[in-house]
N, C-alpha and C. Protein backbone atom coordinates (compact mmCIF):
# COMPACT_ATOMS: atom_id res chain seq x y z
N MET A 1 135.21 216.01 18.32
CA MET A 1 135.93 214.75 18.09
C MET A 1 136.72 214.85 16.79
N ASN A 2 137.98 214.40 16.81
CA ASN A 2 138.79 214.46 15.60
C ASN A 2 138.78 213.14 14.86
N ILE A 3 139.30 213.14 13.64
CA ILE A 3 139.23 211.97 12.77
C ILE A 3 140.00 210.78 13.34
N PHE A 4 141.07 211.04 14.07
CA PHE A 4 141.88 209.94 14.61
C PHE A 4 141.12 209.18 15.70
N ARG A 5 140.42 209.92 16.55
CA ARG A 5 139.63 209.25 17.59
C ARG A 5 138.48 208.47 16.98
N LEU A 6 137.79 209.07 16.01
CA LEU A 6 136.67 208.40 15.35
C LEU A 6 137.15 207.12 14.67
N ALA A 7 138.27 207.22 13.93
CA ALA A 7 138.82 206.05 13.25
C ALA A 7 139.25 204.99 14.26
N GLY A 8 139.81 205.44 15.40
CA GLY A 8 140.21 204.50 16.44
C GLY A 8 139.02 203.78 17.03
N ASP A 9 137.94 204.51 17.30
CA ASP A 9 136.73 203.89 17.84
C ASP A 9 136.13 202.89 16.86
N LEU A 10 136.13 203.24 15.57
CA LEU A 10 135.58 202.35 14.55
C LEU A 10 136.45 201.10 14.41
N SER A 11 137.77 201.27 14.51
CA SER A 11 138.67 200.13 14.44
C SER A 11 138.47 199.21 15.64
N HIS A 12 138.27 199.81 16.80
CA HIS A 12 138.00 199.04 18.02
C HIS A 12 136.70 198.26 17.89
N LEU A 13 135.67 198.93 17.39
CA LEU A 13 134.37 198.29 17.19
C LEU A 13 134.48 197.16 16.17
N LEU A 14 135.24 197.39 15.10
CA LEU A 14 135.45 196.36 14.08
C LEU A 14 136.13 195.14 14.68
N ALA A 15 137.12 195.36 15.54
CA ALA A 15 137.82 194.24 16.18
C ALA A 15 136.85 193.39 16.98
N ILE A 16 135.98 194.03 17.73
CA ILE A 16 135.00 193.30 18.55
C ILE A 16 134.04 192.52 17.67
N ILE A 17 133.56 193.15 16.59
CA ILE A 17 132.63 192.48 15.67
C ILE A 17 133.29 191.26 15.04
N LEU A 18 134.55 191.41 14.60
CA LEU A 18 135.28 190.29 14.00
C LEU A 18 135.43 189.14 14.99
N LEU A 19 135.71 189.47 16.23
CA LEU A 19 135.87 188.43 17.25
C LEU A 19 134.56 187.68 17.48
N LEU A 20 133.47 188.42 17.62
CA LEU A 20 132.18 187.78 17.86
C LEU A 20 131.73 186.96 16.65
N ILE A 21 131.99 187.46 15.44
CA ILE A 21 131.65 186.71 14.22
C ILE A 21 132.45 185.41 14.17
N LYS A 22 133.75 185.49 14.49
CA LYS A 22 134.60 184.31 14.47
C LYS A 22 134.07 183.23 15.42
N ILE A 23 133.73 183.65 16.65
CA ILE A 23 133.25 182.68 17.64
C ILE A 23 131.89 182.12 17.24
N TRP A 24 130.97 183.00 16.82
CA TRP A 24 129.61 182.55 16.52
C TRP A 24 129.55 181.73 15.23
N LYS A 25 130.27 182.18 14.21
CA LYS A 25 130.21 181.48 12.92
C LYS A 25 130.83 180.10 12.99
N THR A 26 131.96 179.98 13.69
CA THR A 26 132.64 178.68 13.78
C THR A 26 132.13 177.85 14.95
N ARG A 27 131.31 178.47 15.81
CA ARG A 27 130.83 177.82 17.03
C ARG A 27 132.00 177.32 17.86
N SER A 28 133.06 178.12 17.84
CA SER A 28 134.29 177.72 18.52
C SER A 28 135.08 178.94 18.94
N CYS A 29 135.76 178.85 20.07
CA CYS A 29 136.63 179.92 20.51
C CYS A 29 138.09 179.48 20.47
N ALA A 30 138.37 178.46 19.67
CA ALA A 30 139.74 177.98 19.51
C ALA A 30 140.62 179.10 18.96
N GLY A 31 141.80 179.26 19.54
CA GLY A 31 142.72 180.28 19.09
C GLY A 31 142.51 181.64 19.74
N ILE A 32 141.49 181.76 20.58
CA ILE A 32 141.20 183.01 21.28
C ILE A 32 141.54 182.85 22.75
N SER A 33 142.24 183.83 23.30
CA SER A 33 142.63 183.77 24.70
C SER A 33 141.51 184.31 25.60
N GLY A 34 140.94 183.42 26.40
CA GLY A 34 139.95 183.85 27.37
C GLY A 34 140.56 184.76 28.42
N LYS A 35 141.85 184.56 28.69
CA LYS A 35 142.53 185.39 29.68
C LYS A 35 142.58 186.85 29.21
N SER A 36 142.89 187.06 27.93
CA SER A 36 142.89 188.42 27.40
C SER A 36 141.50 189.03 27.44
N GLN A 37 140.48 188.23 27.14
CA GLN A 37 139.11 188.75 27.15
C GLN A 37 138.67 189.14 28.56
N ILE A 38 139.10 188.39 29.56
CA ILE A 38 138.82 188.75 30.95
C ILE A 38 139.49 190.08 31.29
N LEU A 39 140.73 190.23 30.87
CA LEU A 39 141.45 191.47 31.14
C LEU A 39 140.78 192.66 30.46
N PHE A 40 140.34 192.48 29.22
CA PHE A 40 139.67 193.58 28.52
C PHE A 40 138.35 193.94 29.21
N ALA A 41 137.62 192.94 29.70
CA ALA A 41 136.38 193.21 30.42
C ALA A 41 136.67 194.02 31.68
N ILE A 42 137.72 193.67 32.39
CA ILE A 42 138.12 194.42 33.59
C ILE A 42 138.50 195.85 33.21
N VAL A 43 139.19 195.99 32.08
CA VAL A 43 139.58 197.32 31.59
C VAL A 43 138.34 198.19 31.38
N TYR A 44 137.37 197.68 30.64
CA TYR A 44 136.21 198.50 30.28
C TYR A 44 135.33 198.80 31.50
N ILE A 45 135.13 197.82 32.36
CA ILE A 45 134.29 198.03 33.53
C ILE A 45 134.92 199.04 34.48
N SER A 46 136.22 198.89 34.74
CA SER A 46 136.87 199.82 35.67
C SER A 46 137.01 201.22 35.07
N ARG A 47 137.16 201.32 33.75
CA ARG A 47 137.32 202.63 33.10
C ARG A 47 136.01 203.39 32.99
N TYR A 48 134.92 202.64 32.77
CA TYR A 48 133.66 203.30 32.47
C TYR A 48 132.68 203.33 33.63
N LEU A 49 133.18 203.19 34.85
CA LEU A 49 132.32 203.34 36.02
C LEU A 49 131.78 204.76 36.14
N ASP A 50 132.42 205.70 35.43
CA ASP A 50 131.94 207.09 35.45
C ASP A 50 130.61 207.25 34.72
N LEU A 51 130.12 206.18 34.10
CA LEU A 51 128.81 206.23 33.46
C LEU A 51 127.72 206.61 34.46
N VAL A 52 127.91 206.23 35.72
CA VAL A 52 126.89 206.51 36.73
C VAL A 52 127.03 207.89 37.33
N THR A 53 128.10 208.60 37.01
CA THR A 53 128.32 209.92 37.60
C THR A 53 128.43 211.05 36.59
N THR A 54 128.84 210.71 35.35
CA THR A 54 129.13 211.77 34.37
C THR A 54 128.51 211.46 33.02
N PHE A 55 127.87 212.47 32.42
CA PHE A 55 127.35 212.35 31.06
C PHE A 55 128.11 213.32 30.16
N ILE A 56 128.74 212.78 29.11
CA ILE A 56 129.50 213.61 28.19
C ILE A 56 128.72 213.82 26.90
N SER A 57 128.26 212.72 26.30
CA SER A 57 127.48 212.79 25.07
C SER A 57 126.79 211.45 24.85
N VAL A 58 125.80 211.44 23.98
CA VAL A 58 125.11 210.18 23.65
C VAL A 58 126.09 209.20 23.02
N TYR A 59 126.93 209.72 22.12
CA TYR A 59 127.93 208.87 21.46
C TYR A 59 128.86 208.23 22.48
N ASN A 60 129.36 209.04 23.40
CA ASN A 60 130.30 208.56 24.40
C ASN A 60 129.66 207.47 25.28
N THR A 61 128.45 207.72 25.73
CA THR A 61 127.74 206.75 26.57
C THR A 61 127.46 205.47 25.79
N PHE A 62 127.02 205.61 24.54
CA PHE A 62 126.71 204.44 23.72
C PHE A 62 127.94 203.55 23.52
N MET A 63 129.07 204.17 23.18
CA MET A 63 130.29 203.39 22.93
C MET A 63 130.76 202.69 24.21
N LYS A 64 130.67 203.36 25.34
CA LYS A 64 131.06 202.74 26.60
C LYS A 64 130.21 201.51 26.90
N LEU A 65 128.90 201.65 26.70
CA LEU A 65 127.99 200.53 26.95
C LEU A 65 128.25 199.38 25.98
N VAL A 66 128.58 199.71 24.74
CA VAL A 66 128.90 198.68 23.75
C VAL A 66 130.14 197.90 24.16
N PHE A 67 131.19 198.60 24.58
CA PHE A 67 132.44 197.93 24.94
C PHE A 67 132.26 197.04 26.18
N ILE A 68 131.50 197.52 27.15
CA ILE A 68 131.26 196.71 28.35
C ILE A 68 130.42 195.49 28.02
N SER A 69 129.31 195.69 27.33
CA SER A 69 128.38 194.58 27.04
C SER A 69 129.00 193.53 26.13
N THR A 70 129.76 193.96 25.12
CA THR A 70 130.35 192.99 24.20
C THR A 70 131.49 192.21 24.86
N SER A 71 132.20 192.84 25.78
CA SER A 71 133.27 192.11 26.47
C SER A 71 132.68 191.04 27.39
N VAL A 72 131.58 191.38 28.06
CA VAL A 72 130.90 190.40 28.91
C VAL A 72 130.30 189.28 28.05
N ALA A 73 129.72 189.65 26.91
CA ALA A 73 129.14 188.65 26.00
C ALA A 73 130.21 187.69 25.48
N THR A 74 131.39 188.23 25.17
CA THR A 74 132.49 187.38 24.68
C THR A 74 132.90 186.37 25.75
N ILE A 75 133.00 186.82 26.98
CA ILE A 75 133.36 185.90 28.07
C ILE A 75 132.29 184.83 28.24
N TYR A 76 131.03 185.21 28.11
CA TYR A 76 129.94 184.23 28.20
C TYR A 76 130.06 183.17 27.10
N LEU A 77 130.32 183.63 25.88
CA LEU A 77 130.45 182.68 24.77
C LEU A 77 131.62 181.72 24.98
N MET A 78 132.72 182.24 25.52
CA MET A 78 133.92 181.43 25.67
C MET A 78 133.85 180.47 26.85
N TYR A 79 133.31 180.94 27.95
CA TYR A 79 133.36 180.15 29.19
C TYR A 79 132.06 179.41 29.50
N VAL A 80 130.99 179.71 28.73
CA VAL A 80 129.72 179.05 28.98
C VAL A 80 129.21 178.33 27.73
N LYS A 81 128.84 179.11 26.72
CA LYS A 81 128.18 178.51 25.56
C LYS A 81 129.09 177.59 24.75
N PHE A 82 130.34 178.03 24.52
CA PHE A 82 131.26 177.22 23.71
C PHE A 82 132.49 176.79 24.52
N LYS A 83 132.28 176.55 25.81
CA LYS A 83 133.41 176.25 26.68
C LYS A 83 134.14 174.95 26.29
N ALA A 84 133.45 174.05 25.61
CA ALA A 84 134.07 172.80 25.19
C ALA A 84 135.16 173.02 24.16
N THR A 85 135.12 174.17 23.47
CA THR A 85 136.11 174.45 22.43
C THR A 85 137.25 175.34 22.93
N TYR A 86 137.16 175.77 24.17
CA TYR A 86 138.18 176.67 24.73
C TYR A 86 139.46 175.90 25.03
N ASP A 87 140.58 176.44 24.58
CA ASP A 87 141.88 175.78 24.73
C ASP A 87 142.54 176.17 26.05
N HIS A 88 142.17 175.47 27.11
CA HIS A 88 142.72 175.77 28.44
C HIS A 88 144.22 175.49 28.50
N ASN A 89 144.65 174.47 27.81
CA ASN A 89 146.05 174.05 27.91
C ASN A 89 147.02 175.11 27.39
N HIS A 90 146.69 175.71 26.25
CA HIS A 90 147.59 176.70 25.66
C HIS A 90 147.38 178.10 26.24
N ASP A 91 146.16 178.38 26.71
CA ASP A 91 145.88 179.70 27.27
C ASP A 91 146.26 179.69 28.76
N SER A 92 147.55 179.68 29.01
CA SER A 92 148.05 179.45 30.36
C SER A 92 148.78 180.65 30.97
N PHE A 93 148.64 181.80 30.36
CA PHE A 93 149.31 182.99 30.87
C PHE A 93 148.78 183.34 32.25
N ARG A 94 149.65 183.69 33.19
CA ARG A 94 149.25 184.03 34.56
C ARG A 94 148.88 185.51 34.63
N ILE A 95 147.58 185.81 34.52
CA ILE A 95 147.15 187.20 34.42
C ILE A 95 147.33 187.98 35.72
N GLU A 96 147.50 187.27 36.84
CA GLU A 96 147.75 188.00 38.09
C GLU A 96 149.07 188.76 38.04
N PHE A 97 149.98 188.29 37.16
CA PHE A 97 151.26 188.98 37.01
C PHE A 97 151.11 190.30 36.24
N LEU A 98 149.94 190.50 35.66
CA LEU A 98 149.62 191.77 35.01
C LEU A 98 148.69 192.62 35.89
N LEU A 99 147.71 191.98 36.50
CA LEU A 99 146.72 192.69 37.29
C LEU A 99 147.34 193.40 38.50
N VAL A 100 148.13 192.67 39.27
CA VAL A 100 148.68 193.24 40.50
C VAL A 100 149.63 194.40 40.23
N PRO A 101 150.64 194.25 39.34
CA PRO A 101 151.54 195.39 39.07
C PRO A 101 150.81 196.61 38.51
N CYS A 102 149.83 196.38 37.63
CA CYS A 102 149.10 197.51 37.05
C CYS A 102 148.31 198.26 38.11
N PHE A 103 147.72 197.52 39.05
CA PHE A 103 146.96 198.18 40.11
C PHE A 103 147.88 198.94 41.05
N LEU A 104 148.99 198.34 41.41
CA LEU A 104 149.95 199.02 42.29
C LEU A 104 150.51 200.27 41.62
N LEU A 105 150.78 200.16 40.31
CA LEU A 105 151.29 201.32 39.58
C LEU A 105 150.25 202.44 39.54
N ALA A 106 148.97 202.05 39.41
CA ALA A 106 147.90 203.05 39.39
C ALA A 106 147.79 203.76 40.73
N LEU A 107 148.08 203.05 41.81
CA LEU A 107 148.06 203.67 43.13
C LEU A 107 149.20 204.67 43.30
N LEU A 108 150.34 204.36 42.65
CA LEU A 108 151.52 205.20 42.79
C LEU A 108 151.56 206.37 41.81
N ILE A 109 151.14 206.10 40.57
CA ILE A 109 151.22 207.13 39.52
C ILE A 109 149.84 207.34 38.93
N ASN A 110 149.22 208.45 39.25
CA ASN A 110 147.89 208.79 38.75
C ASN A 110 147.74 210.30 38.70
N ASN A 111 146.66 210.74 38.11
CA ASN A 111 146.43 212.19 38.01
C ASN A 111 145.73 212.77 39.22
N ALA A 112 145.04 211.91 39.97
CA ALA A 112 144.36 212.35 41.19
C ALA A 112 144.06 211.10 42.03
N PHE A 113 144.30 211.21 43.34
CA PHE A 113 144.13 210.03 44.19
C PHE A 113 142.67 209.92 44.66
N THR A 114 141.80 209.59 43.69
CA THR A 114 140.38 209.35 43.97
C THR A 114 140.04 207.98 43.40
N PRO A 115 139.00 207.32 43.94
CA PRO A 115 138.66 205.97 43.47
C PRO A 115 138.46 205.87 41.96
N LEU A 116 137.67 206.76 41.37
CA LEU A 116 137.41 206.69 39.93
C LEU A 116 138.67 206.96 39.12
N GLU A 117 139.49 207.90 39.57
CA GLU A 117 140.71 208.23 38.84
C GLU A 117 141.72 207.09 38.92
N ILE A 118 141.82 206.45 40.07
CA ILE A 118 142.73 205.31 40.21
C ILE A 118 142.27 204.14 39.34
N LEU A 119 140.96 203.90 39.31
CA LEU A 119 140.43 202.83 38.46
C LEU A 119 140.64 203.15 36.98
N TRP A 120 140.46 204.43 36.61
CA TRP A 120 140.70 204.82 35.22
C TRP A 120 142.17 204.59 34.86
N THR A 121 143.07 205.01 35.74
CA THR A 121 144.50 204.84 35.49
C THR A 121 144.87 203.36 35.42
N PHE A 122 144.30 202.57 36.33
CA PHE A 122 144.51 201.12 36.33
C PHE A 122 144.08 200.53 34.99
N SER A 123 142.95 200.98 34.45
CA SER A 123 142.46 200.46 33.18
C SER A 123 143.39 200.81 32.02
N ILE A 124 143.98 202.00 32.09
CA ILE A 124 144.91 202.43 31.04
C ILE A 124 146.16 201.55 31.05
N TYR A 125 146.71 201.34 32.24
CA TYR A 125 147.90 200.48 32.36
C TYR A 125 147.58 199.05 31.94
N LEU A 126 146.44 198.55 32.40
CA LEU A 126 146.09 197.15 32.11
C LEU A 126 145.82 196.93 30.63
N GLU A 127 145.17 197.90 29.98
CA GLU A 127 144.88 197.73 28.56
C GLU A 127 146.16 197.64 27.74
N ALA A 128 147.21 198.32 28.20
CA ALA A 128 148.48 198.31 27.47
C ALA A 128 149.06 196.90 27.36
N VAL A 129 148.75 196.05 28.34
CA VAL A 129 149.35 194.70 28.37
C VAL A 129 148.31 193.59 28.27
N ALA A 130 147.03 193.94 28.14
CA ALA A 130 145.96 192.94 28.15
C ALA A 130 146.05 191.97 26.97
N ILE A 131 146.71 192.36 25.90
CA ILE A 131 146.81 191.50 24.73
C ILE A 131 147.89 190.44 24.89
N LEU A 132 148.74 190.55 25.89
CA LEU A 132 149.85 189.62 26.05
C LEU A 132 149.42 188.15 26.14
N PRO A 133 148.36 187.80 26.90
CA PRO A 133 147.93 186.40 26.89
C PRO A 133 147.55 185.89 25.50
N GLN A 134 146.94 186.77 24.67
CA GLN A 134 146.58 186.37 23.32
C GLN A 134 147.82 186.14 22.46
N LEU A 135 148.78 187.04 22.54
CA LEU A 135 150.02 186.88 21.78
C LEU A 135 150.78 185.66 22.28
N PHE A 136 150.73 185.40 23.58
CA PHE A 136 151.37 184.23 24.17
C PHE A 136 150.72 182.95 23.64
N LEU A 137 149.38 182.97 23.53
CA LEU A 137 148.65 181.81 23.00
C LEU A 137 149.02 181.55 21.55
N VAL A 138 149.08 182.60 20.75
CA VAL A 138 149.46 182.44 19.34
C VAL A 138 150.88 181.90 19.23
N SER A 139 151.76 182.36 20.09
CA SER A 139 153.14 181.87 20.07
C SER A 139 153.22 180.40 20.46
N LYS A 140 152.37 179.98 21.40
CA LYS A 140 152.40 178.59 21.84
C LYS A 140 151.85 177.65 20.78
N THR A 141 150.80 178.09 20.07
CA THR A 141 150.21 177.24 19.03
C THR A 141 150.97 177.37 17.71
N GLY A 142 151.67 178.50 17.52
CA GLY A 142 152.49 178.69 16.34
C GLY A 142 151.80 179.36 15.17
N GLU A 143 150.46 179.53 15.24
CA GLU A 143 149.76 180.16 14.13
C GLU A 143 148.42 180.72 14.59
N ALA A 144 147.83 181.56 13.73
CA ALA A 144 146.51 182.14 14.03
C ALA A 144 145.66 182.09 12.77
N GLU A 145 144.36 181.82 12.93
CA GLU A 145 143.44 181.83 11.80
C GLU A 145 143.38 183.24 11.21
N SER A 146 142.98 183.33 9.95
CA SER A 146 142.94 184.63 9.27
C SER A 146 142.05 185.62 9.99
N ILE A 147 140.84 185.19 10.40
CA ILE A 147 139.92 186.12 11.03
C ILE A 147 140.44 186.56 12.40
N THR A 148 141.17 185.67 13.09
CA THR A 148 141.80 186.05 14.36
C THR A 148 142.88 187.09 14.11
N SER A 149 143.63 186.91 13.02
CA SER A 149 144.66 187.89 12.65
C SER A 149 144.04 189.24 12.34
N HIS A 150 142.90 189.23 11.63
CA HIS A 150 142.20 190.49 11.32
C HIS A 150 141.73 191.18 12.60
N TYR A 151 141.25 190.38 13.54
CA TYR A 151 140.81 190.91 14.84
C TYR A 151 141.96 191.59 15.57
N LEU A 152 143.10 190.91 15.61
CA LEU A 152 144.27 191.46 16.30
C LEU A 152 144.78 192.73 15.61
N PHE A 153 144.74 192.74 14.28
CA PHE A 153 145.20 193.92 13.55
C PHE A 153 144.29 195.12 13.82
N ALA A 154 142.98 194.88 13.81
CA ALA A 154 142.03 195.97 14.07
C ALA A 154 142.20 196.49 15.50
N LEU A 155 142.44 195.57 16.44
CA LEU A 155 142.62 195.95 17.83
C LEU A 155 143.90 196.77 18.02
N GLY A 156 144.97 196.34 17.36
CA GLY A 156 146.22 197.09 17.44
C GLY A 156 146.12 198.43 16.75
N SER A 157 145.40 198.48 15.65
CA SER A 157 145.23 199.74 14.91
C SER A 157 144.46 200.76 15.74
N TYR A 158 143.49 200.27 16.50
CA TYR A 158 142.70 201.17 17.38
C TYR A 158 143.61 201.94 18.31
N ARG A 159 144.54 201.26 18.95
CA ARG A 159 145.40 201.95 19.90
C ARG A 159 146.41 202.85 19.20
N ALA A 160 146.91 202.42 18.03
CA ALA A 160 147.83 203.27 17.28
C ALA A 160 147.13 204.56 16.83
N LEU A 161 145.87 204.44 16.43
CA LEU A 161 145.10 205.62 16.03
C LEU A 161 144.83 206.54 17.21
N TYR A 162 144.61 205.95 18.36
CA TYR A 162 144.41 206.77 19.56
C TYR A 162 145.69 207.51 19.95
N LEU A 163 146.82 206.89 19.67
CA LEU A 163 148.10 207.56 19.91
C LEU A 163 148.19 208.81 19.03
N LEU A 164 147.79 208.68 17.77
CA LEU A 164 147.74 209.84 16.87
C LEU A 164 146.72 210.87 17.36
N ASN A 165 145.63 210.40 17.93
CA ASN A 165 144.62 211.29 18.49
C ASN A 165 145.20 212.16 19.60
N TRP A 166 146.01 211.54 20.47
CA TRP A 166 146.61 212.30 21.57
C TRP A 166 147.63 213.32 21.05
N ILE A 167 148.37 212.94 20.02
CA ILE A 167 149.33 213.87 19.42
C ILE A 167 148.59 215.05 18.78
N TYR A 168 147.51 214.74 18.07
CA TYR A 168 146.70 215.78 17.44
C TYR A 168 146.12 216.73 18.49
N ARG A 169 145.60 216.17 19.57
CA ARG A 169 144.99 217.00 20.61
C ARG A 169 146.03 217.90 21.29
N TYR A 170 147.24 217.42 21.39
CA TYR A 170 148.30 218.24 21.99
C TYR A 170 148.56 219.48 21.14
N TYR A 171 148.66 219.29 19.82
CA TYR A 171 148.97 220.41 18.94
C TYR A 171 147.74 221.28 18.65
N ALA A 172 146.55 220.65 18.59
CA ALA A 172 145.36 221.41 18.23
C ALA A 172 144.67 222.04 19.43
N GLU A 173 144.74 221.37 20.60
CA GLU A 173 144.00 221.84 21.76
C GLU A 173 144.89 222.17 22.96
N GLY A 174 146.17 221.79 22.87
CA GLY A 174 147.05 222.00 24.01
C GLY A 174 146.79 221.04 25.14
N HIS A 175 146.06 219.95 24.85
CA HIS A 175 145.71 218.97 25.88
C HIS A 175 146.54 217.71 25.72
N TYR A 176 147.01 217.18 26.83
CA TYR A 176 147.73 215.92 26.78
C TYR A 176 147.64 215.21 28.12
N ASP A 177 147.79 213.89 28.09
CA ASP A 177 147.77 213.07 29.30
C ASP A 177 148.95 212.12 29.19
N LEU A 178 149.98 212.36 29.98
CA LEU A 178 151.21 211.57 29.87
C LEU A 178 150.99 210.10 30.18
N ILE A 179 150.09 209.81 31.10
CA ILE A 179 149.80 208.41 31.44
C ILE A 179 149.22 207.68 30.24
N ALA A 180 148.23 208.28 29.61
CA ALA A 180 147.59 207.66 28.45
C ALA A 180 148.56 207.54 27.27
N ILE A 181 149.37 208.57 27.06
CA ILE A 181 150.33 208.55 25.95
C ILE A 181 151.38 207.47 26.17
N PHE A 182 151.92 207.39 27.37
CA PHE A 182 152.95 206.39 27.68
C PHE A 182 152.40 204.97 27.54
N ALA A 183 151.23 204.71 28.13
CA ALA A 183 150.63 203.38 28.06
C ALA A 183 150.27 203.02 26.62
N GLY A 184 149.76 204.00 25.87
CA GLY A 184 149.41 203.75 24.47
C GLY A 184 150.61 203.43 23.63
N ALA A 185 151.72 204.10 23.91
CA ALA A 185 152.96 203.83 23.17
C ALA A 185 153.46 202.42 23.46
N ILE A 186 153.41 202.00 24.73
CA ILE A 186 153.82 200.65 25.10
C ILE A 186 152.94 199.62 24.40
N GLN A 187 151.63 199.87 24.40
CA GLN A 187 150.70 198.94 23.77
C GLN A 187 150.96 198.82 22.27
N THR A 188 151.22 199.94 21.62
CA THR A 188 151.49 199.93 20.18
C THR A 188 152.78 199.18 19.88
N ILE A 189 153.79 199.37 20.71
CA ILE A 189 155.07 198.67 20.53
C ILE A 189 154.88 197.15 20.60
N LEU A 190 154.01 196.70 21.52
CA LEU A 190 153.76 195.27 21.67
C LEU A 190 153.19 194.65 20.39
N TYR A 191 152.52 195.49 19.60
CA TYR A 191 151.90 195.00 18.36
C TYR A 191 152.84 195.06 17.15
N CYS A 192 153.99 195.69 17.28
CA CYS A 192 154.83 195.96 16.12
C CYS A 192 155.19 194.70 15.33
N ASP A 193 155.66 193.66 16.03
CA ASP A 193 156.01 192.41 15.34
C ASP A 193 154.81 191.82 14.64
N PHE A 194 153.65 191.88 15.32
CA PHE A 194 152.44 191.34 14.72
C PHE A 194 152.05 192.13 13.47
N PHE A 195 152.14 193.47 13.54
CA PHE A 195 151.82 194.30 12.38
C PHE A 195 152.68 193.90 11.18
N TYR A 196 153.97 193.69 11.44
CA TYR A 196 154.88 193.32 10.36
C TYR A 196 154.47 191.98 9.74
N LEU A 197 154.18 191.00 10.57
CA LEU A 197 153.78 189.68 10.06
C LEU A 197 152.43 189.75 9.35
N TYR A 198 151.53 190.59 9.86
CA TYR A 198 150.22 190.72 9.23
C TYR A 198 150.35 191.28 7.82
N ILE A 199 151.16 192.32 7.68
CA ILE A 199 151.33 192.96 6.37
C ILE A 199 152.07 192.05 5.39
N THR A 200 153.08 191.33 5.87
CA THR A 200 153.91 190.51 4.98
C THR A 200 153.34 189.12 4.74
N LYS A 201 152.43 188.67 5.61
CA LYS A 201 151.88 187.32 5.47
C LYS A 201 150.38 187.31 5.16
N VAL A 202 149.59 187.80 6.11
CA VAL A 202 148.14 187.67 6.02
C VAL A 202 147.58 188.41 4.81
N LEU A 203 148.06 189.63 4.56
CA LEU A 203 147.54 190.40 3.43
C LEU A 203 147.91 189.77 2.08
N LYS A 204 148.87 188.84 2.11
CA LYS A 204 149.24 188.12 0.89
C LYS A 204 148.58 186.75 0.82
N GLY A 205 147.60 186.53 1.70
CA GLY A 205 146.84 185.29 1.67
C GLY A 205 147.47 184.13 2.41
N LYS A 206 148.53 184.40 3.14
CA LYS A 206 149.19 183.33 3.89
C LYS A 206 148.72 183.33 5.34
N LYS A 207 148.86 182.20 6.01
CA LYS A 207 148.48 182.10 7.41
C LYS A 207 149.57 182.71 8.28
N LEU A 208 149.14 183.46 9.28
CA LEU A 208 150.10 184.06 10.19
C LEU A 208 150.69 182.98 11.08
N GLN A 209 152.01 182.86 11.04
CA GLN A 209 152.70 181.86 11.85
C GLN A 209 153.80 182.50 12.67
N LEU A 210 153.88 182.10 13.92
CA LEU A 210 154.93 182.56 14.81
C LEU A 210 155.72 181.35 15.29
N PRO A 211 156.99 181.57 15.65
CA PRO A 211 157.75 180.46 16.23
C PRO A 211 157.05 179.94 17.47
N ALA A 212 156.74 178.66 17.51
CA ALA A 212 155.98 178.09 18.61
C ALA A 212 156.84 177.96 19.86
N LEU A 213 156.25 178.30 21.01
CA LEU A 213 156.93 178.10 22.28
C LEU A 213 156.79 176.64 22.68
N ARG A 214 157.83 176.08 23.22
CA ARG A 214 157.81 174.68 23.62
C ARG A 214 157.84 174.57 25.14
N ASN A 215 157.05 173.65 25.66
CA ASN A 215 157.08 173.40 27.09
C ASN A 215 158.18 172.41 27.41
N HIS A 216 158.93 172.66 28.43
CA HIS A 216 160.01 171.77 28.82
C HIS A 216 159.72 171.17 30.19
C-alpha cells in the first residue's frame, strides 16, 4: 500500500467520523442530504460484495466492513432516530436520475461482464456523482455548517488522494484502471468549487455560503 491510498482511506474515515459526530452531537441531521447517504450506502454494498468471495488482507476487510456499517448507521440515524430533524423539503434531488444511468453505463462499459464486476463498475460510476444531492442541498439552503463543510472537504480529499494513488500505481507498478481514473477525475472536478470556497472561507473562520437556488 502506498502513502496516497493510506492518506485517502484515512481522509475517507475522517469524513465519516465527522458526519456521525455532527449528527450525534447536535441530535440533528439538518444540512445533511439523506439522498447522498443512500447513494453512498448503495456504493459500498455493491462494491464490497466480494467480501464473501475474496480475502485480500485484514486491513482491506476491516475498512470495507467499516464503510458498509457506518453508511447503514448514518441512514438509520437520519431516517429513524433523528428523522424529525431531516429536511425533506430541501433534500429533493431525484436520485433515480443518477442510479439508472450509472447502472446502464456499467452494463455497457466494464472490465468484465460478470455480476460482481458490473456491480463494482456501477459503484465506481455512482460514487463519482453521489455527492450531487448534498451539493444541491447546500445550494438550496445557501450555506453549510462548519462541521458539514469539514466533512465535505475530507470526503473530497479522499477521492483526490485516490486519484494520486492511481497515478502513482501507474508509474510505480505499471497498473491502471481507466474506469476508476475517469470516474475519480469527474468526482474530483465536482468538488473543485467547494474546495475553493472551503479554503477561502471556512479556513478563515467564515461560514461556507453558496448562491441559493430558488424554487419557481
